Structure formats: C-alpha cells, structure tokens
Amino acid sequence: MRTLKNYTLKIRREAIGENPAVYTKHVHTPVDVVGLAKMISGDSAQESMLVFLLDVKNRVVGFTEAARGGIDSCPVDLRQIFRVAIITGACGIILAHNHPSGDAAPSSEDRQLTRRVLDAAKLLGVTLVDHVIVTDNECTSMSARGELVAE
C-alpha cells in the first residue's frame, strides 16, 4: 500500500523530474500553475482534473489527479478533490483541467463544478484560489472571469 506522501512524490518525479524548486514558487496568477498543468496533462486526448495543494503562503506543495474523463467531459467527485487537501492539511487549492478540444472557454459543467467546489471549500475551511482551464495555446482563469463567487 502506498502512502499519500509516497504517492505524491511519485507523481512529482514523473511529471517534473527531481526539481523541487518548482514547488517553492508562490502562486499569484493562473499562469503560475499553467506550466505545471501542461507538463502533467501533456497533450492528452482525455480531460483530467488536477488539484494543486497550497500552503499558507500560496506555495504549491503537491498535487493530485482527482479525475480522468473522456475527450469532452470529466466527471468529478467532490470527495476526490478534497480528500488529499484535507489529509495533507492544505490551506488552499487550485483546480486545473485540460480541454483537448483546444477551446479554453468554460462549459456550463465547468461553471457548475466551480460553484460546488467553492461552496464545499467554504464549509471545509479550504480556499479555492482558482479553477484554470488549459489548452495547448491558451488558458482561462475562472477567478479572473469573476466566477469564484459563492451563491
């Protein structure tokens, strides 16, 4: 059985090599995680939902893949998004997922998921910093669009 720490370290090594300096960077804009998301998702023909874990100073301390879907959707269970964040004591999270279609515009499902995650994060005391949609050529920040407002 793999422990959470070993699992996270294994993913880090596969995705970004042995360079821990990547994880000392503060997250100020969506672009700060886009590079990491692109390295992890690559040119995958499947959508995948990544959760970046942040410490109190908004430094990325780890990440996990919460879901993997098909070419045009990625069903996500909220428990999978928050499981690792709670276990590791993350203060904040950033969601990032790819759109293999090349269109970085958020779908109605993306907006609905963002609202559900935002509501759950509030209850759990975890900050949802952003939800970023990544394609080969562009990215969209739900925070920059003003869509991180709980109903």
C-alpha atoms as a PDB file:
ATOM      1  CA  MET A   1       0.000   0.000   0.000  1.00  0.00           C
ATOM      2  CA  ARG A   2       1.374   3.388  -0.997  1.00  0.00           C
ATOM      3  CA  THR A   3       1.186   6.186   1.493  1.00  0.00           C
ATOM      4  CA  LEU A   4      -0.145   9.533   0.387  1.00  0.00           C
ATOM      5  CA  LYS A   5       3.288  11.134   0.746  1.00  0.00           C
ATOM      6  CA  ASN A   6       4.950   8.475  -1.414  1.00  0.00           C
ATOM      7  CA  TYR A   7       2.171   8.687  -3.992  1.00  0.00           C
ATOM      8  CA  THR A   8       2.533  12.477  -4.260  1.00  0.00           C
ATOM      9  CA  LEU A   9       6.318  12.215  -4.552  1.00  0.00           C
ATOM     10  CA  LYS A  10       5.993   9.561  -7.262  1.00  0.00           C
ATOM     11  CA  ILE A  11       3.704  11.814  -9.285  1.00  0.00           C
ATOM     12  CA  ARG A  12       6.056  14.767  -8.839  1.00  0.00           C
ATOM     13  CA  ARG A  13       9.044  12.819 -10.131  1.00  0.00           C
ATOM     14  CA  GLU A  14       7.184  11.503 -13.152  1.00  0.00           C
ATOM     15  CA  ALA A  15       5.735  14.883 -14.055  1.00  0.00           C
ATOM     16  CA  ILE A  16       8.530  17.343 -13.361  1.00  0.00           C
ATOM     17  CA  GLY A  17      11.609  15.315 -12.562  1.00  0.00           C
ATOM     18  CA  GLU A  18      13.626  15.801  -9.410  1.00  0.00           C
ATOM     19  CA  ASN A  19      13.447  19.613  -9.372  1.00  0.00           C
ATOM     20  CA  PRO A  20      11.889  20.571  -6.013  1.00  0.00           C
ATOM     21  CA  ALA A  21      12.427  24.278  -6.792  1.00  0.00           C
ATOM     22  CA  VAL A  22       9.209  24.172  -8.805  1.00  0.00           C
ATOM     23  CA  TYR A  23       7.348  23.741  -5.527  1.00  0.00           C
ATOM     24  CA  THR A  24       8.804  26.782  -3.770  1.00  0.00           C
ATOM     25  CA  LYS A  25       7.109  29.218  -6.106  1.00  0.00           C
ATOM     26  CA  HIS A  26       4.272  31.383  -4.806  1.00  0.00           C
ATOM     27  CA  VAL A  27       1.072  31.313  -6.810  1.00  0.00           C
ATOM     28  CA  HIS A  28      -0.078  34.801  -7.750  1.00  0.00           C
ATOM     29  CA  THR A  29      -1.700  34.288 -11.143  1.00  0.00           C
ATOM     30  CA  PRO A  30      -3.199  31.377 -13.090  1.00  0.00           C
ATOM     31  CA  VAL A  31      -0.118  31.312 -15.292  1.00  0.00           C
ATOM     32  CA  ASP A  32       1.872  30.147 -12.262  1.00  0.00           C
ATOM     33  CA  VAL A  33       0.172  26.731 -12.404  1.00  0.00           C
ATOM     34  CA  VAL A  34      -0.494  26.500 -16.138  1.00  0.00           C
ATOM     35  CA  GLY A  35       3.050  25.301 -16.858  1.00  0.00           C
ATOM     36  CA  LEU A  36       2.746  22.561 -14.260  1.00  0.00           C
ATOM     37  CA  ALA A  37      -0.689  21.541 -15.525  1.00  0.00           C
ATOM     38  CA  LYS A  38       0.602  21.323 -19.097  1.00  0.00           C
ATOM     39  CA  MET A  39       3.559  19.176 -18.022  1.00  0.00           C
ATOM     40  CA  ILE A  40       1.289  16.789 -16.157  1.00  0.00           C
ATOM     41  CA  SER A  41      -1.579  16.601 -18.658  1.00  0.00           C
ATOM     42  CA  GLY A  42       0.670  16.885 -21.679  1.00  0.00           C
ATOM     43  CA  ASP A  43      -1.090  16.502 -24.986  1.00  0.00           C
ATOM     44  CA  SER A  44      -3.582  14.034 -23.567  1.00  0.00           C
ATOM     45  CA  ALA A  45      -6.695  13.355 -25.617  1.00  0.00           C
ATOM     46  CA  GLN A  46      -8.578  12.899 -22.326  1.00  0.00           C
ATOM     47  CA  GLU A  47      -9.707  15.553 -19.908  1.00  0.00           C
ATOM     48  CA  SER A  48      -8.148  15.298 -16.470  1.00  0.00           C
ATOM     49  CA  MET A  49      -8.822  17.305 -13.316  1.00  0.00           C
ATOM     50  CA  LEU A  50      -5.763  18.242 -11.297  1.00  0.00           C
ATOM     51  CA  VAL A  51      -5.830  19.637  -7.774  1.00  0.00           C
ATOM     52  CA  PHE A  52      -2.822  21.722  -6.758  1.00  0.00           C
ATOM     53  CA  LEU A  53      -2.328  21.877  -2.994  1.00  0.00           C
ATOM     54  CA  LEU A  54      -1.198  25.175  -1.482  1.00  0.00           C
ATOM     55  CA  ASP A  55       0.344  26.042   1.854  1.00  0.00           C
ATOM     56  CA  VAL A  56      -0.475  29.154   3.869  1.00  0.00           C
ATOM     57  CA  LYS A  57       1.886  31.245   1.687  1.00  0.00           C
ATOM     58  CA  ASN A  58       0.251  30.040  -1.541  1.00  0.00           C
ATOM     59  CA  ARG A  59       3.169  27.808  -2.472  1.00  0.00           C
ATOM     60  CA  VAL A  60       2.377  24.631  -4.390  1.00  0.00           C
ATOM     61  CA  VAL A  61       3.294  21.784  -2.069  1.00  0.00           C
ATOM     62  CA  GLY A  62       1.836  18.958  -4.142  1.00  0.00           C
ATOM     63  CA  PHE A  63      -0.903  17.908  -6.481  1.00  0.00           C
ATOM     64  CA  THR A  64      -3.104  15.000  -7.356  1.00  0.00           C
ATOM     65  CA  GLU A  65      -5.246  13.940 -10.275  1.00  0.00           C
ATOM     66  CA  ALA A  66      -8.810  13.907  -8.957  1.00  0.00           C
ATOM     67  CA  ALA A  67     -10.432  12.568 -12.125  1.00  0.00           C
ATOM     68  CA  ARG A  68      -9.828  11.467 -15.690  1.00  0.00           C
ATOM     69  CA  GLY A  69     -12.556  11.571 -18.284  1.00  0.00           C
ATOM     70  CA  GLY A  70     -13.143  11.281 -21.984  1.00  0.00           C
ATOM     71  CA  ILE A  71     -12.472  13.629 -24.860  1.00  0.00           C
ATOM     72  CA  ASP A  72     -15.188  16.102 -23.951  1.00  0.00           C
ATOM     73  CA  SER A  73     -16.016  15.624 -20.280  1.00  0.00           C
ATOM     74  CA  CYS A  74     -14.525  14.701 -16.940  1.00  0.00           C
ATOM     75  CA  PRO A  75     -16.978  13.732 -14.201  1.00  0.00           C
ATOM     76  CA  VAL A  76     -15.550  14.798 -10.853  1.00  0.00           C
ATOM     77  CA  ASP A  77     -16.483  13.637  -7.372  1.00  0.00           C
ATOM     78  CA  LEU A  78     -16.058  16.423  -4.794  1.00  0.00           C
ATOM     79  CA  ARG A  79     -14.688  13.887  -2.320  1.00  0.00           C
ATOM     80  CA  GLN A  80     -11.777  13.203  -4.658  1.00  0.00           C
ATOM     81  CA  ILE A  81     -10.987  16.911  -4.891  1.00  0.00           C
ATOM     82  CA  PHE A  82     -10.866  17.440  -1.147  1.00  0.00           C
ATOM     83  CA  ARG A  83      -9.537  14.062   0.030  1.00  0.00           C
ATOM     84  CA  VAL A  84      -5.856  14.855  -0.422  1.00  0.00           C
ATOM     85  CA  ALA A  85      -6.273  18.510   0.560  1.00  0.00           C
ATOM     86  CA  ILE A  86      -7.739  17.515   3.910  1.00  0.00           C
ATOM     87  CA  ILE A  87      -5.260  14.724   4.583  1.00  0.00           C
ATOM     88  CA  THR A  88      -2.269  16.972   3.826  1.00  0.00           C
ATOM     89  CA  GLY A  89      -3.684  19.999   5.636  1.00  0.00           C
ATOM     90  CA  ALA A  90      -3.598  22.207   2.542  1.00  0.00           C
ATOM     91  CA  CYS A  91      -4.755  25.773   3.171  1.00  0.00           C
ATOM     92  CA  GLY A  92      -5.847  26.300  -0.412  1.00  0.00           C
ATOM     93  CA  ILE A  93      -6.326  24.537  -3.710  1.00  0.00           C
ATOM     94  CA  ILE A  94      -6.256  25.384  -7.375  1.00  0.00           C
ATOM     95  CA  LEU A  95      -8.194  23.238  -9.807  1.00  0.00           C
ATOM     96  CA  ALA A  96      -6.774  22.846 -13.286  1.00  0.00           C
ATOM     97  CA  HIS A  97      -8.125  20.772 -16.112  1.00  0.00           C
ATOM     98  CA  ASN A  98      -7.426  20.477 -19.790  1.00  0.00           C
ATOM     99  CA  HIS A  99      -9.747  20.842 -22.747  1.00  0.00           C
ATOM    100  CA  PRO A 100      -8.376  18.599 -25.521  1.00  0.00           C
ATOM    101  CA  SER A 101     -10.686  20.401 -27.972  1.00  0.00           C
ATOM    102  CA  GLY A 102      -8.431  23.460 -27.808  1.00  0.00           C
ATOM    103  CA  ASP A 103     -11.241  25.747 -26.629  1.00  0.00           C
ATOM    104  CA  ALA A 104     -10.413  27.208 -23.207  1.00  0.00           C
ATOM    105  CA  ALA A 105     -13.879  28.671 -22.648  1.00  0.00           C
ATOM    106  CA  PRO A 106     -15.547  27.198 -19.556  1.00  0.00           C
ATOM    107  CA  SER A 107     -18.555  24.984 -20.196  1.00  0.00           C
ATOM    108  CA  SER A 108     -21.726  25.143 -18.123  1.00  0.00           C
ATOM    109  CA  GLU A 109     -20.492  21.967 -16.368  1.00  0.00           C
ATOM    110  CA  ASP A 110     -17.195  23.728 -15.538  1.00  0.00           C
ATOM    111  CA  ARG A 111     -19.099  26.647 -14.013  1.00  0.00           C
ATOM    112  CA  GLN A 112     -21.384  24.341 -12.047  1.00  0.00           C
ATOM    113  CA  LEU A 113     -18.436  22.331 -10.691  1.00  0.00           C
ATOM    114  CA  THR A 114     -16.630  25.519  -9.708  1.00  0.00           C
ATOM    115  CA  ARG A 115     -19.639  26.716  -7.704  1.00  0.00           C
ATOM    116  CA  ARG A 116     -19.993  23.328  -5.973  1.00  0.00           C
ATOM    117  CA  VAL A 117     -16.286  23.228  -5.103  1.00  0.00           C
ATOM    118  CA  LEU A 118     -16.390  26.812  -3.858  1.00  0.00           C
ATOM    119  CA  ASP A 119     -19.325  26.037  -1.563  1.00  0.00           C
ATOM    120  CA  ALA A 120     -17.677  22.869  -0.225  1.00  0.00           C
ATOM    121  CA  ALA A 121     -14.340  24.645   0.255  1.00  0.00           C
ATOM    122  CA  LYS A 122     -16.030  27.291   2.374  1.00  0.00           C
ATOM    123  CA  LEU A 123     -17.543  24.630   4.621  1.00  0.00           C
ATOM    124  CA  LEU A 124     -14.209  22.851   4.979  1.00  0.00           C
ATOM    125  CA  GLY A 125     -12.116  25.966   5.578  1.00  0.00           C
ATOM    126  CA  VAL A 126     -10.061  25.491   2.423  1.00  0.00           C
ATOM    127  CA  THR A 127      -9.598  28.368  -0.017  1.00  0.00           C
ATOM    128  CA  LEU A 128     -10.395  27.734  -3.673  1.00  0.00           C
ATOM    129  CA  VAL A 129      -7.883  30.104  -5.246  1.00  0.00           C
ATOM    130  CA  ASP A 130      -8.763  29.412  -8.872  1.00  0.00           C
ATOM    131  CA  HIS A 131     -10.068  26.968 -11.431  1.00  0.00           C
ATOM    132  CA  VAL A 132      -7.937  27.094 -14.557  1.00  0.00           C
ATOM    133  CA  ILE A 133      -8.784  25.575 -17.924  1.00  0.00           C
ATOM    134  CA  VAL A 134      -5.739  24.744 -20.028  1.00  0.00           C
ATOM    135  CA  THR A 135      -5.320  24.039 -23.732  1.00  0.00           C
ATOM    136  CA  ASP A 136      -2.216  23.805 -25.892  1.00  0.00           C
ATOM    137  CA  ASN A 137      -2.329  27.513 -26.723  1.00  0.00           C
ATOM    138  CA  GLU A 138      -4.303  29.295 -24.030  1.00  0.00           C
ATOM    139  CA  CYS A 139      -5.769  29.188 -20.555  1.00  0.00           C
ATOM    140  CA  THR A 140      -8.831  30.590 -18.835  1.00  0.00           C
ATOM    141  CA  SER A 141      -8.971  31.572 -15.182  1.00  0.00           C
ATOM    142  CA  MET A 142     -12.371  31.334 -13.551  1.00  0.00           C
ATOM    143  CA  SER A 143     -11.122  33.723 -10.869  1.00  0.00           C
ATOM    144  CA  ALA A 144     -10.082  36.340 -13.436  1.00  0.00           C
ATOM    145  CA  ARG A 145     -13.523  35.995 -15.041  1.00  0.00           C
ATOM    146  CA  GLY A 146     -15.162  36.757 -11.674  1.00  0.00           C
ATOM    147  CA  GLU A 147     -16.731  33.295 -11.418  1.00  0.00           C
ATOM    148  CA  LEU A 148     -15.439  32.377  -7.968  1.00  0.00           C
ATOM    149  CA  VAL A 149     -18.421  33.821  -6.168  1.00  0.00           C
ATOM    150  CA  ALA A 150     -20.477  31.518  -3.963  1.00  0.00           C
ATOM    151  CA  GLU A 151     -24.242  31.629  -4.404  1.00  0.00           C
END
